[in-house]
Amino acid sequence: MHAAKVLAISAQRPEYPYQARRQRVTGSGVALLTVDARGHVIDVTMLRSTGSGILDQATISGFRRWRFRPGTVSRVQTPITYTLTGASY
């Protein structure tokens, strides 16, 4: 299991945007999550783009909703892959 999922107390899968799915846009990337002492994600940047602005934005907005156990992490790298069956991390 990915370390980020173990430390996360809320880790919903980012939404695969309808527009991207309809256009059959796929891609893989890596996001860097910055987490405050309370466990809230305060910033998300793409270290490696998925190759699609739509998917990058979905990744950023999805990972911003994650929550971690307070005081356990300050930065987390999380891979993301969008295939026609959905998003996985």
PDB file of N, CA and C in Angstrom:
ATOM      1  N   MET A   1       0.850  -1.190   0.000  1.00  0.00           N
ATOM      2  CA  MET A   1       0.000   0.000   0.000  1.00  0.00           C
ATOM      3  C   MET A   1       0.884   1.238   0.000  1.00  0.00           C
ATOM      4  N   HIS A   2       0.482   2.232  -0.731  1.00  0.00           N
ATOM      5  CA  HIS A   2       1.241   3.473  -0.822  1.00  0.00           C
ATOM      6  C   HIS A   2       1.268   4.162   0.541  1.00  0.00           C
ATOM      7  N   ALA A   3       2.429   4.679   0.929  1.00  0.00           N
ATOM      8  CA  ALA A   3       2.608   5.298   2.251  1.00  0.00           C
ATOM      9  C   ALA A   3       1.622   6.439   2.499  1.00  0.00           C
ATOM     10  N   ALA A   4       1.321   7.227   1.471  1.00  0.00           N
ATOM     11  CA  ALA A   4       0.400   8.350   1.645  1.00  0.00           C
ATOM     12  C   ALA A   4      -0.972   7.855   2.069  1.00  0.00           C
ATOM     13  N   LYS A   5      -1.424   6.737   1.514  1.00  0.00           N
ATOM     14  CA  LYS A   5      -2.738   6.208   1.873  1.00  0.00           C
ATOM     15  C   LYS A   5      -2.766   5.736   3.323  1.00  0.00           C
ATOM     16  N   VAL A   6      -1.639   5.219   3.801  1.00  0.00           N
ATOM     17  CA  VAL A   6      -1.566   4.745   5.181  1.00  0.00           C
ATOM     18  C   VAL A   6      -1.706   5.908   6.156  1.00  0.00           C
ATOM     19  N   LEU A   7      -1.040   7.019   5.868  1.00  0.00           N
ATOM     20  CA  LEU A   7      -1.052   8.169   6.760  1.00  0.00           C
ATOM     21  C   LEU A   7      -2.299   9.032   6.604  1.00  0.00           C
ATOM     22  N   ALA A   8      -2.982   8.889   5.505  1.00  0.00           N
ATOM     23  CA  ALA A   8      -4.162   9.712   5.244  1.00  0.00           C
ATOM     24  C   ALA A   8      -5.361   9.221   6.047  1.00  0.00           C
ATOM     25  N   ILE A   9      -6.127  10.171   6.578  1.00  0.00           N
ATOM     26  CA  ILE A   9      -7.369   9.803   7.256  1.00  0.00           C
ATOM     27  C   ILE A   9      -8.565  10.044   6.338  1.00  0.00           C
ATOM     28  N   SER A  10      -8.338  10.794   5.271  1.00  0.00           N
ATOM     29  CA  SER A  10      -9.357  11.003   4.253  1.00  0.00           C
ATOM     30  C   SER A  10      -8.627  11.127   2.918  1.00  0.00           C
ATOM     31  N   ALA A  11      -8.850  10.161   2.023  1.00  0.00           N
ATOM     32  CA  ALA A  11      -8.113  10.139   0.761  1.00  0.00           C
ATOM     33  C   ALA A  11      -9.016   9.674  -0.365  1.00  0.00           C
ATOM     34  N   GLN A  12      -9.987  10.514  -0.695  1.00  0.00           N
ATOM     35  CA  GLN A  12     -10.884  10.169  -1.791  1.00  0.00           C
ATOM     36  C   GLN A  12     -10.157  10.279  -3.128  1.00  0.00           C
ATOM     37  N   ARG A  13     -10.494   9.380  -4.014  1.00  0.00           N
ATOM     38  CA  ARG A  13      -9.895   9.374  -5.344  1.00  0.00           C
ATOM     39  C   ARG A  13     -10.295  10.642  -6.090  1.00  0.00           C
ATOM     40  N   PRO A  14      -9.321  11.323  -6.740  1.00  0.00           N
ATOM     41  CA  PRO A  14      -9.681  12.497  -7.544  1.00  0.00           C
ATOM     42  C   PRO A  14     -10.683  12.114  -8.634  1.00  0.00           C
ATOM     43  N   GLU A  15     -11.565  13.037  -8.943  1.00  0.00           N
ATOM     44  CA  GLU A  15     -12.590  12.792  -9.951  1.00  0.00           C
ATOM     45  C   GLU A  15     -11.977  12.806 -11.346  1.00  0.00           C
ATOM     46  N   TYR A  16     -12.392  11.872 -12.181  1.00  0.00           N
ATOM     47  CA  TYR A  16     -11.972  11.845 -13.588  1.00  0.00           C
ATOM     48  C   TYR A  16     -12.989  12.702 -14.332  1.00  0.00           C
ATOM     49  N   PRO A  17     -12.610  13.903 -14.757  1.00  0.00           N
ATOM     50  CA  PRO A  17     -13.584  14.820 -15.356  1.00  0.00           C
ATOM     51  C   PRO A  17     -14.296  14.214 -16.569  1.00  0.00           C
ATOM     52  N   TYR A  18     -15.587  14.462 -16.637  1.00  0.00           N
ATOM     53  CA  TYR A  18     -16.397  13.939 -17.732  1.00  0.00           C
ATOM     54  C   TYR A  18     -15.824  14.350 -19.084  1.00  0.00           C
ATOM     55  N   GLN A  19     -15.445  15.611 -19.207  1.00  0.00           N
ATOM     56  CA  GLN A  19     -14.919  16.120 -20.475  1.00  0.00           C
ATOM     57  C   GLN A  19     -13.681  15.323 -20.913  1.00  0.00           C
ATOM     58  N   ALA A  20     -12.788  15.027 -19.987  1.00  0.00           N
ATOM     59  CA  ALA A  20     -11.578  14.261 -20.315  1.00  0.00           C
ATOM     60  C   ALA A  20     -11.936  12.822 -20.674  1.00  0.00           C
ATOM     61  N   ARG A  21     -12.842  12.237 -19.918  1.00  0.00           N
ATOM     62  CA  ARG A  21     -13.252  10.853 -20.184  1.00  0.00           C
ATOM     63  C   ARG A  21     -13.926  10.749 -21.551  1.00  0.00           C
ATOM     64  N   ARG A  22     -14.780  11.708 -21.855  1.00  0.00           N
ATOM     65  CA  ARG A  22     -15.500  11.716 -23.141  1.00  0.00           C
ATOM     66  C   ARG A  22     -14.517  11.835 -24.302  1.00  0.00           C
ATOM     67  N   GLN A  23     -13.448  12.607 -24.100  1.00  0.00           N
ATOM     68  CA  GLN A  23     -12.437  12.783 -25.143  1.00  0.00           C
ATOM     69  C   GLN A  23     -11.370  11.681 -25.092  1.00  0.00           C
ATOM     70  N   ARG A  24     -11.552  10.729 -24.190  1.00  0.00           N
ATOM     71  CA  ARG A  24     -10.640   9.591 -24.018  1.00  0.00           C
ATOM     72  C   ARG A  24      -9.217  10.035 -23.682  1.00  0.00           C
ATOM     73  N   VAL A  25      -9.117  11.113 -22.853  1.00  0.00           N
ATOM     74  CA  VAL A  25      -7.823  11.637 -22.415  1.00  0.00           C
ATOM     75  C   VAL A  25      -7.343  10.803 -21.228  1.00  0.00           C
ATOM     76  N   THR A  26      -6.120  10.294 -21.313  1.00  0.00           N
ATOM     77  CA  THR A  26      -5.526   9.529 -20.223  1.00  0.00           C
ATOM     78  C   THR A  26      -4.154  10.116 -19.911  1.00  0.00           C
ATOM     79  N   GLY A  27      -3.591   9.715 -18.788  1.00  0.00           N
ATOM     80  CA  GLY A  27      -2.247  10.186 -18.448  1.00  0.00           C
ATOM     81  C   GLY A  27      -1.857   9.798 -17.044  1.00  0.00           C
ATOM     82  N   SER A  28      -0.560   9.912 -16.783  1.00  0.00           N
ATOM     83  CA  SER A  28      -0.009   9.637 -15.456  1.00  0.00           C
ATOM     84  C   SER A  28       0.866  10.807 -15.050  1.00  0.00           C
ATOM     85  N   GLY A  29       0.885  11.093 -13.761  1.00  0.00           N
ATOM     86  CA  GLY A  29       1.709  12.179 -13.249  1.00  0.00           C
ATOM     87  C   GLY A  29       2.043  11.951 -11.795  1.00  0.00           C
ATOM     88  N   VAL A  30       2.719  12.933 -11.211  1.00  0.00           N
ATOM     89  CA  VAL A  30       3.077  12.882  -9.797  1.00  0.00           C
ATOM     90  C   VAL A  30       2.755  14.239  -9.184  1.00  0.00           C
ATOM     91  N   ALA A  31       2.015  14.210  -8.077  1.00  0.00           N
ATOM     92  CA  ALA A  31       1.661  15.439  -7.364  1.00  0.00           C
ATOM     93  C   ALA A  31       2.453  15.524  -6.066  1.00  0.00           C
ATOM     94  N   LEU A  32       2.786  16.736  -5.665  1.00  0.00           N
ATOM     95  CA  LEU A  32       3.430  16.985  -4.382  1.00  0.00           C
ATOM     96  C   LEU A  32       2.430  17.718  -3.503  1.00  0.00           C
ATOM     97  N   LEU A  33       2.076  17.099  -2.390  1.00  0.00           N
ATOM     98  CA  LEU A  33       1.132  17.674  -1.451  1.00  0.00           C
ATOM     99  C   LEU A  33       1.908  18.280  -0.284  1.00  0.00           C
ATOM    100  N   THR A  34       1.591  19.517   0.064  1.00  0.00           N
ATOM    101  CA  THR A  34       2.163  20.165   1.242  1.00  0.00           C
ATOM    102  C   THR A  34       1.086  20.167   2.311  1.00  0.00           C
ATOM    103  N   VAL A  35       1.437  19.650   3.493  1.00  0.00           N
ATOM    104  CA  VAL A  35       0.465  19.416   4.561  1.00  0.00           C
ATOM    105  C   VAL A  35       0.850  20.245   5.782  1.00  0.00           C
ATOM    106  N   ASP A  36      -0.143  20.922   6.393  1.00  0.00           N
ATOM    107  CA  ASP A  36       0.144  21.693   7.600  1.00  0.00           C
ATOM    108  C   ASP A  36       0.117  20.783   8.839  1.00  0.00           C
ATOM    109  N   ALA A  37       0.444  21.350   9.992  1.00  0.00           N
ATOM    110  CA  ALA A  37       0.545  20.572  11.234  1.00  0.00           C
ATOM    111  C   ALA A  37      -0.784  19.947  11.646  1.00  0.00           C
ATOM    112  N   ARG A  38      -1.901  20.510  11.163  1.00  0.00           N
ATOM    113  CA  ARG A  38      -3.218  19.954  11.505  1.00  0.00           C
ATOM    114  C   ARG A  38      -3.622  18.809  10.582  1.00  0.00           C
ATOM    115  N   GLY A  39      -2.810  18.554   9.549  1.00  0.00           N
ATOM    116  CA  GLY A  39      -3.107  17.466   8.634  1.00  0.00           C
ATOM    117  C   GLY A  39      -3.864  17.889   7.395  1.00  0.00           C
ATOM    118  N   HIS A  40      -4.064  19.196   7.221  1.00  0.00           N
ATOM    119  CA  HIS A  40      -4.769  19.709   6.045  1.00  0.00           C
ATOM    120  C   HIS A  40      -3.791  19.952   4.905  1.00  0.00           C
ATOM    121  N   VAL A  41      -4.184  19.598   3.698  1.00  0.00           N
ATOM    122  CA  VAL A  41      -3.367  19.878   2.517  1.00  0.00           C
ATOM    123  C   VAL A  41      -3.525  21.360   2.195  1.00  0.00           C
ATOM    124  N   ILE A  42      -2.406  22.064   2.193  1.00  0.00           N
ATOM    125  CA  ILE A  42      -2.460  23.510   1.952  1.00  0.00           C
ATOM    126  C   ILE A  42      -1.960  23.887   0.563  1.00  0.00           C
ATOM    127  N   ASP A  43      -1.291  22.943  -0.122  1.00  0.00           N
ATOM    128  CA  ASP A  43      -0.824  23.233  -1.476  1.00  0.00           C
ATOM    129  C   ASP A  43      -0.623  21.919  -2.216  1.00  0.00           C
ATOM    130  N   VAL A  44      -0.920  21.931  -3.502  1.00  0.00           N
ATOM    131  CA  VAL A  44      -0.664  20.784  -4.369  1.00  0.00           C
ATOM    132  C   VAL A  44      -0.030  21.312  -5.641  1.00  0.00           C
ATOM    133  N   THR A  45       1.103  20.751  -6.014  1.00  0.00           N
ATOM    134  CA  THR A  45       1.740  21.104  -7.269  1.00  0.00           C
ATOM    135  C   THR A  45       2.027  19.816  -8.035  1.00  0.00           C
ATOM    136  N   MET A  46       2.055  19.936  -9.328  1.00  0.00           N
ATOM    137  CA  MET A  46       2.353  18.781 -10.168  1.00  0.00           C
ATOM    138  C   MET A  46       3.861  18.724 -10.399  1.00  0.00           C
ATOM    139  N   LEU A  47       4.506  17.689  -9.857  1.00  0.00           N
ATOM    140  CA  LEU A  47       5.940  17.491 -10.111  1.00  0.00           C
ATOM    141  C   LEU A  47       6.140  16.955 -11.518  1.00  0.00           C
ATOM    142  N   ARG A  48       5.210  16.107 -11.949  1.00  0.00           N
ATOM    143  CA  ARG A  48       5.217  15.599 -13.323  1.00  0.00           C
ATOM    144  C   ARG A  48       3.775  15.658 -13.826  1.00  0.00           C
ATOM    145  N   SER A  49       3.559  16.422 -14.865  1.00  0.00           N
ATOM    146  CA  SER A  49       2.221  16.607 -15.422  1.00  0.00           C
ATOM    147  C   SER A  49       1.677  15.299 -15.996  1.00  0.00           C
ATOM    148  N   THR A  50       0.366  15.185 -15.982  1.00  0.00           N
ATOM    149  CA  THR A  50      -0.299  14.051 -16.623  1.00  0.00           C
ATOM    150  C   THR A  50      -0.278  14.202 -18.141  1.00  0.00           C
ATOM    151  N   GLY A  51       0.100  15.386 -18.600  1.00  0.00           N
ATOM    152  CA  GLY A  51       0.076  15.671 -20.031  1.00  0.00           C
ATOM    153  C   GLY A  51      -1.213  16.342 -20.461  1.00  0.00           C
ATOM    154  N   SER A  52      -2.115  16.558 -19.511  1.00  0.00           N
ATOM    155  CA  SER A  52      -3.403  17.193 -19.794  1.00  0.00           C
ATOM    156  C   SER A  52      -3.715  18.212 -18.701  1.00  0.00           C
ATOM    157  N   GLY A  53      -3.993  19.432 -19.105  1.00  0.00           N
ATOM    158  CA  GLY A  53      -4.360  20.459 -18.134  1.00  0.00           C
ATOM    159  C   GLY A  53      -5.612  20.102 -17.357  1.00  0.00           C
ATOM    160  N   ILE A  54      -6.568  19.479 -18.034  1.00  0.00           N
ATOM    161  CA  ILE A  54      -7.819  19.077 -17.371  1.00  0.00           C
ATOM    162  C   ILE A  54      -7.529  18.055 -16.264  1.00  0.00           C
ATOM    163  N   LEU A  55      -6.697  17.063 -16.579  1.00  0.00           N
ATOM    164  CA  LEU A  55      -6.381  16.041 -15.582  1.00  0.00           C
ATOM    165  C   LEU A  55      -5.514  16.599 -14.463  1.00  0.00           C
ATOM    166  N   ASP A  56      -4.591  17.499 -14.790  1.00  0.00           N
ATOM    167  CA  ASP A  56      -3.777  18.125 -13.741  1.00  0.00           C
ATOM    168  C   ASP A  56      -4.656  18.898 -12.765  1.00  0.00           C
ATOM    169  N   GLN A  57      -5.617  19.666 -13.287  1.00  0.00           N
ATOM    170  CA  GLN A  57      -6.512  20.427 -12.413  1.00  0.00           C
ATOM    171  C   GLN A  57      -7.367  19.499 -11.544  1.00  0.00           C
ATOM    172  N   ALA A  58      -7.839  18.395 -12.121  1.00  0.00           N
ATOM    173  CA  ALA A  58      -8.631  17.436 -11.346  1.00  0.00           C
ATOM    174  C   ALA A  58      -7.783  16.821 -10.235  1.00  0.00           C
ATOM    175  N   THR A  59      -6.521  16.553 -10.541  1.00  0.00           N
ATOM    176  CA  THR A  59      -5.602  16.000  -9.545  1.00  0.00           C
ATOM    177  C   THR A  59      -5.404  16.986  -8.405  1.00  0.00           C
ATOM    178  N   ILE A  60      -5.114  18.229  -8.741  1.00  0.00           N
ATOM    179  CA  ILE A  60      -4.874  19.259  -7.730  1.00  0.00           C
ATOM    180  C   ILE A  60      -6.103  19.451  -6.853  1.00  0.00           C
ATOM    181  N   SER A  61      -7.267  19.600  -7.452  1.00  0.00           N
ATOM    182  CA  SER A  61      -8.470  19.834  -6.641  1.00  0.00           C
ATOM    183  C   SER A  61      -8.828  18.592  -5.826  1.00  0.00           C
ATOM    184  N   GLY A  62      -8.595  17.404  -6.372  1.00  0.00           N
ATOM    185  CA  GLY A  62      -8.893  16.183  -5.628  1.00  0.00           C
ATOM    186  C   GLY A  62      -7.985  15.997  -4.425  1.00  0.00           C
ATOM    187  N   PHE A  63      -6.687  16.188  -4.619  1.00  0.00           N
ATOM    188  CA  PHE A  63      -5.744  15.997  -3.518  1.00  0.00           C
ATOM    189  C   PHE A  63      -5.846  17.098  -2.470  1.00  0.00           C
ATOM    190  N   ARG A  64      -6.356  18.267  -2.828  1.00  0.00           N
ATOM    191  CA  ARG A  64      -6.552  19.336  -1.833  1.00  0.00           C
ATOM    192  C   ARG A  64      -7.559  18.927  -0.750  1.00  0.00           C
ATOM    193  N   ARG A  65      -8.413  17.969  -1.061  1.00  0.00           N
ATOM    194  CA  ARG A  65      -9.420  17.518  -0.084  1.00  0.00           C
ATOM    195  C   ARG A  65      -8.889  16.440   0.861  1.00  0.00           C
ATOM    196  N   TRP A  66      -7.691  15.939   0.596  1.00  0.00           N
ATOM    197  CA  TRP A  66      -7.134  14.901   1.470  1.00  0.00           C
ATOM    198  C   TRP A  66      -6.832  15.466   2.851  1.00  0.00           C
ATOM    199  N   ARG A  67      -6.889  14.595   3.840  1.00  0.00           N
ATOM    200  CA  ARG A  67      -6.530  14.942   5.218  1.00  0.00           C
ATOM    201  C   ARG A  67      -5.621  13.849   5.761  1.00  0.00           C
ATOM    202  N   PHE A  68      -4.636  14.278   6.557  1.00  0.00           N
ATOM    203  CA  PHE A  68      -3.688  13.348   7.153  1.00  0.00           C
ATOM    204  C   PHE A  68      -3.751  13.429   8.671  1.00  0.00           C
ATOM    205  N   ARG A  69      -3.223  12.409   9.329  1.00  0.00           N
ATOM    206  CA  ARG A  69      -3.124  12.470  10.780  1.00  0.00           C
ATOM    207  C   ARG A  69      -2.261  13.678  11.141  1.00  0.00           C
ATOM    208  N   PRO A  70      -2.727  14.528  12.053  1.00  0.00           N
ATOM    209  CA  PRO A  70      -1.960  15.731  12.409  1.00  0.00           C
ATOM    210  C   PRO A  70      -0.527  15.391  12.827  1.00  0.00           C
ATOM    211  N   GLY A  71       0.406  16.185  12.311  1.00  0.00           N
ATOM    212  CA  GLY A  71       1.803  16.052  12.707  1.00  0.00           C
ATOM    213  C   GLY A  71       2.562  14.875  12.108  1.00  0.00           C
ATOM    214  N   THR A  72       1.975  14.130  11.180  1.00  0.00           N
ATOM    215  CA  THR A  72       2.671  12.942  10.665  1.00  0.00           C
ATOM    216  C   THR A  72       3.493  13.221   9.415  1.00  0.00           C
ATOM    217  N   VAL A  73       3.048  14.106   8.552  1.00  0.00           N
ATOM    218  CA  VAL A  73       3.777  14.411   7.316  1.00  0.00           C
ATOM    219  C   VAL A  73       3.693  15.898   7.024  1.00  0.00           C
ATOM    220  N   SER A  74       4.682  16.391   6.268  1.00  0.00           N
ATOM    221  CA  SER A  74       4.615  17.789   5.837  1.00  0.00           C
ATOM    222  C   SER A  74       4.602  17.880   4.309  1.00  0.00           C
ATOM    223  N   ARG A  75       5.175  16.867   3.654  1.00  0.00           N
ATOM    224  CA  ARG A  75       5.158  16.817   2.190  1.00  0.00           C
ATOM    225  C   ARG A  75       4.990  15.369   1.771  1.00  0.00           C
ATOM    226  N   VAL A  76       4.154  15.152   0.761  1.00  0.00           N
ATOM    227  CA  VAL A  76       3.894  13.804   0.268  1.00  0.00           C
ATOM    228  C   VAL A  76       3.878  13.839  -1.258  1.00  0.00           C
ATOM    229  N   GLN A  77       4.649  12.953  -1.879  1.00  0.00           N
ATOM    230  CA  GLN A  77       4.581  12.780  -3.329  1.00  0.00           C
ATOM    231  C   GLN A  77       3.608  11.642  -3.612  1.00  0.00           C
ATOM    232  N   THR A  78       2.656  11.893  -4.485  1.00  0.00           N
ATOM    233  CA  THR A  78       1.648  10.885  -4.791  1.00  0.00           C
ATOM    234  C   THR A  78       1.499  10.741  -6.303  1.00  0.00           C
ATOM    235  N   PRO A  79       1.732   9.533  -6.812  1.00  0.00           N
ATOM    236  CA  PRO A  79       1.503   9.311  -8.241  1.00  0.00           C
ATOM    237  C   PRO A  79       0.005   9.220  -8.524  1.00  0.00           C
ATOM    238  N   ILE A  80      -0.367   9.560  -9.739  1.00  0.00           N
ATOM    239  CA  ILE A  80      -1.775   9.483 -10.164  1.00  0.00           C
ATOM    240  C   ILE A  80      -1.803   8.987 -11.602  1.00  0.00           C
ATOM    241  N   THR A  81      -2.741   8.111 -11.881  1.00  0.00           N
ATOM    242  CA  THR A  81      -2.909   7.608 -13.245  1.00  0.00           C
ATOM    243  C   THR A  81      -4.379   7.656 -13.611  1.00  0.00           C
ATOM    244  N   TYR A  82      -4.669   8.240 -14.756  1.00  0.00           N
ATOM    245  CA  TYR A  82      -6.022   8.275 -15.287  1.00  0.00           C
ATOM    246  C   TYR A  82      -6.078   7.347 -16.495  1.00  0.00           C
ATOM    247  N   THR A  83      -6.929   6.342 -16.416  1.00  0.00           N
ATOM    248  CA  THR A  83      -7.176   5.468 -17.549  1.00  0.00           C
ATOM    249  C   THR A  83      -8.666   5.557 -17.861  1.00  0.00           C
ATOM    250  N   LEU A  84      -9.100   4.951 -18.916  1.00  0.00           N
ATOM    251  CA  LEU A  84     -10.515   5.053 -19.285  1.00  0.00           C
ATOM    252  C   LEU A  84     -11.426   4.379 -18.265  1.00  0.00           C
ATOM    253  N   THR A  85     -10.857   3.587 -17.340  1.00  0.00           N
ATOM    254  CA  THR A  85     -11.667   2.978 -16.291  1.00  0.00           C
ATOM    255  C   THR A  85     -11.741   3.849 -15.051  1.00  0.00           C
ATOM    256  N   GLY A  86     -10.985   4.937 -14.988  1.00  0.00           N
ATOM    257  CA  GLY A  86     -11.048   5.839 -13.839  1.00  0.00           C
ATOM    258  C   GLY A  86      -9.670   6.304 -13.397  1.00  0.00           C
ATOM    259  N   ALA A  87      -9.618   6.892 -12.208  1.00  0.00           N
ATOM    260  CA  ALA A  87      -8.374   7.400 -11.644  1.00  0.00           C
ATOM    261  C   ALA A  87      -7.868   6.442 -10.587  1.00  0.00           C
ATOM    262  N   SER A  88      -6.554   6.278 -10.516  1.00  0.00           N
ATOM    263  CA  SER A  88      -5.969   5.469  -9.441  1.00  0.00           C
ATOM    264  C   SER A  88      -4.715   6.150  -8.948  1.00  0.00           C
ATOM    265  N   TYR A  89      -4.394   5.869  -7.687  1.00  0.00           N
ATOM    266  CA  TYR A  89      -3.198   6.472  -7.078  1.00  0.00           C
ATOM    267  C   TYR A  89      -2.526   5.468  -6.205  1.00  0.00           C
TER     268      TYR A  89
END
